């Protein structure tokens, strides 16, 4: 909010210039409703990195849970729900815990999985494919679930990681408000960093509940995104990888 406003101080009326509100509170003033809907309905990402404030971790998880619980209680109250009902009374606390400790735990760098790498003693030089990795994320535009599978491949440059560690990397970046394109790139970039190779490929096939349960309400469609690095930019390597994904094994 900007401009002058009048406030009553100790019985006198005082006019002051309002300071711009931060953290998106003035976004509605700067963007039309049509633009806001356009960004959300088209699932537009604005950056490869997850948008985070510099002070995002000044509050502890416990402090965040207390504040979220209070604000979610307000939301339920505004909707007209009876918070004295035994079924609903604990919902704000459960939602706060779920947000901080579970579905958005990937926002906190302290939860980033510790990945150990090992020497490729077998001198295995072909691609390693981990397919059908369960993926549960949240659309950052509507805060509704994204559910699907990630398929990951890499070619060792001398180092390998445990297969379950790939699942952990996928899960870490999925547990935050996301856009599928960004999620795909973040997983690929992290594996490139860990394995010290550009030869990484990631494909995600997922359903978005913001498409199936609202808006167009299309329950049959899914979204596929891909990121290919290094050797996987070669058409033959890419086709080999995609062929493995089509196997019913």
Protein backbone atom coordinates (compact mmCIF):
# COMPACT_ATOMS: atom_id res chain seq x y z
CA UNK A 1 0.00 0.00 0.00
CA UNK A 2 1.38 3.43 -0.93
CA UNK A 3 0.15 7.01 -0.64
CA UNK A 4 -1.10 9.06 2.31
CA UNK A 5 -3.31 7.73 5.04
CA UNK A 6 -4.77 9.27 8.19
CA UNK A 7 -4.41 7.75 11.64
CA UNK A 8 -5.50 8.90 15.08
CA UNK A 9 -2.64 9.30 17.56
CA UNK A 10 -3.38 10.39 21.15
CA UNK A 11 -6.56 12.17 20.11
CA UNK A 12 -5.04 13.96 17.12
CA UNK A 13 -5.31 13.04 13.47
CA UNK A 14 -1.97 12.57 11.77
CA UNK A 15 -1.31 12.06 8.05
CA UNK A 16 1.62 9.87 7.06
CA UNK A 17 2.93 8.34 3.88
CA UNK A 18 2.37 4.64 3.88
CA UNK A 19 5.36 2.42 3.16
CA UNK A 20 5.12 -0.12 0.35
CA UNK A 21 4.04 -3.48 1.68
CA UNK A 22 6.44 -6.31 1.03
CA UNK A 23 6.30 -10.05 0.33
CA UNK A 24 3.53 -9.98 -2.23
CA UNK A 25 0.98 -7.98 -0.25
CA UNK A 26 0.88 -5.32 -2.96
CA UNK A 27 0.99 -7.84 -5.81
CA UNK A 28 -2.77 -7.60 -6.33
CA UNK A 29 -2.45 -3.85 -6.92
CA UNK A 30 0.29 -4.28 -9.53
CA UNK A 31 -1.19 -7.23 -11.38
CA UNK A 32 -4.66 -7.50 -12.84
CA UNK A 33 -6.88 -10.42 -11.90
CA UNK A 34 -6.62 -11.60 -15.50
CA UNK A 35 -2.82 -11.69 -15.31
CA UNK A 36 -2.89 -13.58 -12.02
CA UNK A 37 -5.24 -16.19 -13.51
CA UNK A 38 -3.13 -16.37 -16.68
CA UNK A 39 0.03 -17.22 -14.72
CA UNK A 40 -1.75 -19.84 -12.64
CA UNK A 41 -3.82 -21.50 -15.37
CA UNK A 42 -0.81 -21.76 -17.68
CA UNK A 43 1.47 -22.99 -14.87
CA UNK A 44 4.10 -20.38 -15.68
CA UNK A 45 7.43 -20.56 -13.83
CA UNK A 46 9.36 -17.35 -13.25
CA UNK A 47 12.76 -18.77 -12.26
CA UNK A 48 14.80 -21.99 -12.11
CA UNK A 49 15.42 -21.47 -8.41
CA UNK A 50 12.58 -21.74 -5.93
CA UNK A 51 11.58 -18.14 -5.07
CA UNK A 52 12.65 -17.64 -1.45
CA UNK A 53 13.13 -14.55 0.71
CA UNK A 54 16.52 -13.89 2.31
CA UNK A 55 14.94 -14.15 5.77
CA UNK A 56 13.09 -17.40 5.03
CA UNK A 57 14.74 -19.32 7.88
CA UNK A 58 14.89 -16.77 10.66
CA UNK A 59 11.92 -18.53 12.24
CA UNK A 60 12.31 -22.07 13.54
CA UNK A 61 10.05 -24.84 12.25
CA UNK A 62 8.15 -24.74 15.53
CA UNK A 63 7.58 -20.98 15.25
CA UNK A 64 6.36 -21.36 11.68
CA UNK A 65 3.94 -24.08 12.74
CA UNK A 66 2.43 -21.88 15.45
CA UNK A 67 1.89 -19.01 12.99
CA UNK A 68 0.53 -21.21 10.20
CA UNK A 69 -1.85 -22.91 12.63
CA UNK A 70 -3.24 -19.54 13.69
CA UNK A 71 -3.66 -18.26 10.14
CA UNK A 72 -5.19 -21.49 8.85
CA UNK A 73 -7.67 -21.38 11.73
CA UNK A 74 -8.66 -17.93 10.44
CA UNK A 75 -9.17 -19.34 6.93
CA UNK A 76 -11.43 -22.09 8.23
CA UNK A 77 -13.34 -19.58 10.34
CA UNK A 78 -13.86 -17.30 7.32
CA UNK A 79 -15.22 -20.28 5.39
CA UNK A 80 -17.82 -20.70 8.12
CA UNK A 81 -16.58 -24.00 9.52
CA UNK A 82 -17.37 -24.81 13.14
CA UNK A 83 -13.98 -25.11 14.81
CA UNK A 84 -15.59 -26.39 17.99
CA UNK A 85 -16.36 -29.64 16.17
CA UNK A 86 -14.04 -32.44 17.31
CA UNK A 87 -13.20 -33.37 13.74
CA UNK A 88 -12.21 -29.83 12.75
CA UNK A 89 -10.70 -28.45 15.92
CA UNK A 90 -7.29 -30.02 15.40
CA UNK A 91 -7.16 -29.42 11.64
CA UNK A 92 -5.18 -26.14 11.77
CA UNK A 93 -2.46 -27.86 13.81
CA UNK A 94 -2.40 -30.87 11.51
CA UNK A 95 -2.15 -28.67 8.41
CA UNK A 96 0.66 -26.59 9.93
CA UNK A 97 2.63 -29.71 10.81
CA UNK A 98 2.02 -31.17 7.35
CA UNK A 99 3.21 -27.98 5.63
CA UNK A 100 6.42 -27.54 7.61
CA UNK A 101 7.45 -31.11 8.41
CA UNK A 102 6.13 -32.99 5.39
CA UNK A 103 4.97 -31.64 2.04
CA UNK A 104 7.09 -28.45 2.14
CA UNK A 105 10.06 -29.82 4.08
CA UNK A 106 12.18 -29.54 0.92
CA UNK A 107 12.22 -25.76 1.32
CA UNK A 108 14.65 -26.07 4.21
CA UNK A 109 18.26 -26.72 3.09
CA UNK A 110 18.87 -28.56 6.38
CA UNK A 111 16.64 -31.34 5.03
CA UNK A 112 18.72 -31.79 1.90
CA UNK A 113 19.80 -35.45 1.70
CA UNK A 114 23.45 -36.24 2.38
CA UNK A 115 24.65 -38.11 -0.69
CA UNK A 116 27.84 -40.17 -0.69
CA UNK A 117 29.54 -41.00 -3.98
CA UNK A 118 31.62 -44.09 -4.69
CA UNK A 119 34.27 -44.97 -7.21
CA UNK A 120 32.95 -46.78 -10.26
CA UNK A 121 35.13 -49.84 -9.67
CA UNK A 122 33.22 -51.93 -12.20
CA UNK A 123 34.08 -49.37 -14.91
CA UNK A 124 30.43 -49.52 -15.93
CA UNK A 125 30.23 -47.17 -18.91
CA UNK A 126 26.62 -47.45 -20.04
CA UNK A 127 23.70 -45.45 -18.76
CA UNK A 128 22.13 -46.33 -15.44
CA UNK A 129 18.37 -45.82 -15.40
CA UNK A 130 16.17 -45.47 -12.34
CA UNK A 131 12.56 -45.49 -13.56
CA UNK A 132 9.18 -45.04 -11.89
CA UNK A 133 10.44 -43.05 -8.91
CA UNK A 134 7.37 -41.96 -6.93
CA UNK A 135 6.87 -38.22 -6.98
CA UNK A 136 4.52 -36.20 -4.79
CA UNK A 137 4.75 -32.44 -5.05
CA UNK A 138 2.54 -29.36 -4.82
CA UNK A 139 1.58 -26.86 -7.53
CA UNK A 140 2.80 -23.45 -6.40
CA UNK A 141 -0.03 -21.67 -8.22
CA UNK A 142 -2.96 -23.35 -6.45
CA UNK A 143 -1.31 -25.42 -3.68
CA UNK A 144 -2.85 -28.63 -5.02
CA UNK A 145 -1.00 -31.95 -5.43
CA UNK A 146 1.21 -33.00 -8.33
CA UNK A 147 1.43 -36.81 -8.42
CA UNK A 148 3.48 -38.87 -10.82
CA UNK A 149 6.71 -40.66 -11.65
CA UNK A 150 10.25 -39.48 -12.30
CA UNK A 151 12.64 -41.38 -14.55
CA UNK A 152 16.32 -40.63 -14.11
CA UNK A 153 19.46 -41.74 -15.94
CA UNK A 154 23.14 -40.92 -15.81
CA UNK A 155 26.42 -42.10 -17.30
CA UNK A 156 29.21 -42.33 -14.76
CA UNK A 157 32.29 -40.17 -15.20
CA UNK A 158 34.04 -42.26 -12.55
CA UNK A 159 31.63 -41.93 -9.65
CA UNK A 160 28.33 -43.60 -8.76
CA UNK A 161 25.69 -43.17 -6.05
CA UNK A 162 23.36 -45.62 -4.35
CA UNK A 163 20.12 -46.14 -6.25
CA UNK A 164 17.96 -45.04 -3.31
CA UNK A 165 19.82 -41.72 -3.25
CA UNK A 166 18.29 -40.81 -6.60
CA UNK A 167 14.85 -41.27 -5.01
CA UNK A 168 15.88 -39.03 -2.13
CA UNK A 169 17.03 -36.25 -4.46
CA UNK A 170 13.72 -36.42 -6.34
CA UNK A 171 11.75 -36.37 -3.09
CA UNK A 172 13.70 -33.42 -1.65
CA UNK A 173 13.05 -31.11 -4.59
CA UNK A 174 9.44 -32.31 -4.90
CA UNK A 175 8.62 -31.39 -1.29
CA UNK A 176 8.07 -27.69 -1.92
CA UNK A 177 5.66 -25.54 -3.93
CA UNK A 178 6.72 -26.35 -7.47
CA UNK A 179 6.34 -25.94 -11.19
CA UNK A 180 7.04 -29.21 -13.02
CA UNK A 181 9.53 -27.70 -15.45
CA UNK A 182 11.56 -26.24 -12.58
CA UNK A 183 11.41 -29.49 -10.63
CA UNK A 184 12.77 -31.41 -13.62
CA UNK A 185 15.70 -29.03 -14.05
CA UNK A 186 16.47 -28.87 -10.31
CA UNK A 187 16.72 -32.66 -10.05
CA UNK A 188 18.98 -32.82 -13.11
CA UNK A 189 21.24 -30.00 -11.90
CA UNK A 190 21.65 -31.56 -8.47
CA UNK A 191 22.62 -34.94 -9.91
CA UNK A 192 25.09 -33.25 -12.25
CA UNK A 193 26.66 -31.52 -9.24
CA UNK A 194 26.83 -34.70 -7.14
CA UNK A 195 28.13 -36.97 -9.91
CA UNK A 196 30.40 -34.34 -11.51
CA UNK A 197 29.04 -35.08 -14.96
CA UNK A 198 26.76 -33.42 -17.48
CA UNK A 199 25.53 -36.83 -18.65
CA UNK A 200 22.19 -36.78 -16.80
CA UNK A 201 18.63 -37.16 -18.06
CA UNK A 202 15.37 -36.62 -16.16
CA UNK A 203 11.82 -37.22 -17.38
CA UNK A 204 8.76 -36.55 -15.22
CA UNK A 205 5.23 -37.73 -16.04
CA UNK A 206 2.70 -36.33 -13.58
CA UNK A 207 -0.93 -35.45 -13.03
CA UNK A 208 -1.83 -32.02 -11.64
CA UNK A 209 -4.88 -31.82 -9.42
CA UNK A 210 -5.13 -28.12 -10.27
CA UNK A 211 -6.05 -29.36 -13.77
CA UNK A 212 -8.25 -32.31 -12.76
CA UNK A 213 -10.14 -30.86 -9.77
CA UNK A 214 -10.62 -27.23 -10.86
CA UNK A 215 -10.48 -25.13 -14.01
CA UNK A 216 -10.85 -27.41 -17.03
CA UNK A 217 -11.35 -30.44 -14.70
CA UNK A 218 -9.60 -32.83 -17.07
CA UNK A 219 -8.87 -36.06 -15.20
CA UNK A 220 -7.36 -37.93 -18.15
CA UNK A 221 -4.35 -35.79 -19.04
CA UNK A 222 -0.84 -35.81 -17.64
CA UNK A 223 2.17 -33.54 -18.11
CA UNK A 224 5.57 -34.76 -19.32
CA UNK A 225 8.73 -32.70 -18.91
CA UNK A 226 12.32 -33.62 -19.74
CA UNK A 227 15.85 -32.34 -19.19
CA UNK A 228 18.76 -33.83 -21.13
CA UNK A 229 22.40 -33.05 -20.46
CA UNK A 230 25.73 -33.99 -21.99
CA UNK A 231 25.63 -37.31 -23.87
CA UNK A 232 21.84 -37.43 -23.61
CA UNK A 233 21.57 -34.57 -26.07
CA UNK A 234 22.68 -37.08 -28.70
CA UNK A 235 19.59 -38.41 -30.43
CA UNK A 236 20.68 -42.06 -30.24
CA UNK A 237 21.37 -41.86 -26.50
CA UNK A 238 18.08 -40.07 -25.94
CA UNK A 239 16.16 -42.72 -27.86
CA UNK A 240 17.92 -45.50 -25.94
CA UNK A 241 16.88 -43.90 -22.65
CA UNK A 242 13.28 -43.43 -23.77
CA UNK A 243 13.19 -47.03 -25.03
CA UNK A 244 14.08 -48.26 -21.53
CA UNK A 245 11.17 -46.26 -20.11
CA UNK A 246 8.71 -48.04 -22.40
CA UNK A 247 9.67 -51.52 -21.19
CA UNK A 248 7.06 -53.29 -19.09
CA UNK A 249 9.52 -54.64 -16.55
